[in-house]
């Protein structure tokens, strides 16, 4: 993750745009929509993981509970 510390917010959005353009290159509309749905699912899973980790850190680990 140190590489992310070296990128500004603007550089990160340019990188995301470059990745999206490469993924969409030579794809049909339907293929692009499948990729979009896949990436949306990945995003939601990352949100769930981050939220649960934050919840555990703030509510369980400090209380001495372990899993």
C-alpha atoms as a PDB file:
ATOM      1  CA  UNK A   1       0.000   0.000   0.000  1.00  0.00           C
ATOM      2  CA  UNK A   2       2.979   2.336   0.148  1.00  0.00           C
ATOM      3  CA  UNK A   3       2.524   2.952  -3.588  1.00  0.00           C
ATOM      4  CA  UNK A   4      -0.869   4.516  -2.855  1.00  0.00           C
ATOM      5  CA  UNK A   5       0.806   6.968  -0.486  1.00  0.00           C
ATOM      6  CA  UNK A   6       2.929   8.199  -3.386  1.00  0.00           C
ATOM      7  CA  UNK A   7      -0.087   9.087  -5.551  1.00  0.00           C
ATOM      8  CA  UNK A   8      -2.193  12.224  -5.291  1.00  0.00           C
ATOM      9  CA  UNK A   9      -5.976  11.966  -5.536  1.00  0.00           C
ATOM     10  CA  UNK A  10      -5.750  13.380  -9.071  1.00  0.00           C
ATOM     11  CA  UNK A  11      -3.131  10.836 -10.114  1.00  0.00           C
ATOM     12  CA  UNK A  12      -5.242   8.034  -8.705  1.00  0.00           C
ATOM     13  CA  UNK A  13      -8.268   9.119 -10.754  1.00  0.00           C
ATOM     14  CA  UNK A  14      -6.131   9.293 -13.903  1.00  0.00           C
ATOM     15  CA  UNK A  15      -4.874   5.780 -13.170  1.00  0.00           C
ATOM     16  CA  UNK A  16      -8.448   4.536 -12.671  1.00  0.00           C
ATOM     17  CA  UNK A  17      -9.474   6.079 -15.986  1.00  0.00           C
ATOM     18  CA  UNK A  18      -6.562   4.411 -17.776  1.00  0.00           C
ATOM     19  CA  UNK A  19      -7.473   1.026 -16.283  1.00  0.00           C
ATOM     20  CA  UNK A  20     -11.139   1.452 -17.251  1.00  0.00           C
ATOM     21  CA  UNK A  21     -10.221   2.396 -20.816  1.00  0.00           C
ATOM     22  CA  UNK A  22      -7.978  -0.656 -21.152  1.00  0.00           C
ATOM     23  CA  UNK A  23     -10.630  -2.971 -19.713  1.00  0.00           C
ATOM     24  CA  UNK A  24     -13.281  -1.602 -22.101  1.00  0.00           C
ATOM     25  CA  UNK A  25     -11.093  -1.688 -25.183  1.00  0.00           C
ATOM     26  CA  UNK A  26     -12.598  -3.923 -27.903  1.00  0.00           C
ATOM     27  CA  UNK A  27     -15.443  -5.047 -25.594  1.00  0.00           C
ATOM     28  CA  UNK A  28     -19.128  -5.061 -26.482  1.00  0.00           C
ATOM     29  CA  UNK A  29     -21.644  -3.062 -24.476  1.00  0.00           C
ATOM     30  CA  UNK A  30     -22.775  -6.274 -22.777  1.00  0.00           C
ATOM     31  CA  UNK A  31     -19.211  -7.237 -21.862  1.00  0.00           C
ATOM     32  CA  UNK A  32     -18.582  -3.773 -20.418  1.00  0.00           C
ATOM     33  CA  UNK A  33     -21.742  -4.065 -18.324  1.00  0.00           C
ATOM     34  CA  UNK A  34     -20.631  -7.457 -16.983  1.00  0.00           C
ATOM     35  CA  UNK A  35     -17.275  -5.928 -16.010  1.00  0.00           C
ATOM     36  CA  UNK A  36     -19.098  -3.013 -14.391  1.00  0.00           C
ATOM     37  CA  UNK A  37     -21.265  -5.361 -12.362  1.00  0.00           C
ATOM     38  CA  UNK A  38     -18.259  -7.443 -11.339  1.00  0.00           C
ATOM     39  CA  UNK A  39     -16.337  -4.365 -10.199  1.00  0.00           C
ATOM     40  CA  UNK A  40     -19.406  -3.094  -8.374  1.00  0.00           C
ATOM     41  CA  UNK A  41     -19.620  -6.375  -6.472  1.00  0.00           C
ATOM     42  CA  UNK A  42     -15.921  -6.164  -5.612  1.00  0.00           C
ATOM     43  CA  UNK A  43     -16.466  -2.612  -4.356  1.00  0.00           C
ATOM     44  CA  UNK A  44     -19.355  -3.666  -2.135  1.00  0.00           C
ATOM     45  CA  UNK A  45     -17.320  -6.555  -0.734  1.00  0.00           C
ATOM     46  CA  UNK A  46     -14.448  -4.186   0.079  1.00  0.00           C
ATOM     47  CA  UNK A  47     -16.887  -1.845   1.863  1.00  0.00           C
ATOM     48  CA  UNK A  48     -18.213  -4.792   3.877  1.00  0.00           C
ATOM     49  CA  UNK A  49     -14.713  -5.949   4.829  1.00  0.00           C
ATOM     50  CA  UNK A  50     -13.632  -2.444   5.852  1.00  0.00           C
ATOM     51  CA  UNK A  51     -16.794  -1.849   7.878  1.00  0.00           C
ATOM     52  CA  UNK A  52     -16.515  -5.153   9.729  1.00  0.00           C
ATOM     53  CA  UNK A  53     -12.821  -4.611  10.466  1.00  0.00           C
ATOM     54  CA  UNK A  54     -13.588  -1.145  11.808  1.00  0.00           C
ATOM     55  CA  UNK A  55     -16.476  -2.483  13.903  1.00  0.00           C
ATOM     56  CA  UNK A  56     -14.326  -5.267  15.357  1.00  0.00           C
ATOM     57  CA  UNK A  57     -11.470  -2.865  16.073  1.00  0.00           C
ATOM     58  CA  UNK A  58     -13.684  -0.342  17.851  1.00  0.00           C
ATOM     59  CA  UNK A  59     -16.109  -2.658  19.611  1.00  0.00           C
ATOM     60  CA  UNK A  60     -14.642  -6.094  20.080  1.00  0.00           C
ATOM     61  CA  UNK A  61     -10.848  -6.144  20.214  1.00  0.00           C
ATOM     62  CA  UNK A  62     -10.650  -3.359  22.781  1.00  0.00           C
ATOM     63  CA  UNK A  63     -13.207  -5.170  24.909  1.00  0.00           C
ATOM     64  CA  UNK A  64     -10.962  -8.240  24.967  1.00  0.00           C
ATOM     65  CA  UNK A  65     -13.127 -10.336  22.669  1.00  0.00           C
ATOM     66  CA  UNK A  66     -11.292 -12.454  20.125  1.00  0.00           C
ATOM     67  CA  UNK A  67     -12.413 -14.658  17.276  1.00  0.00           C
END
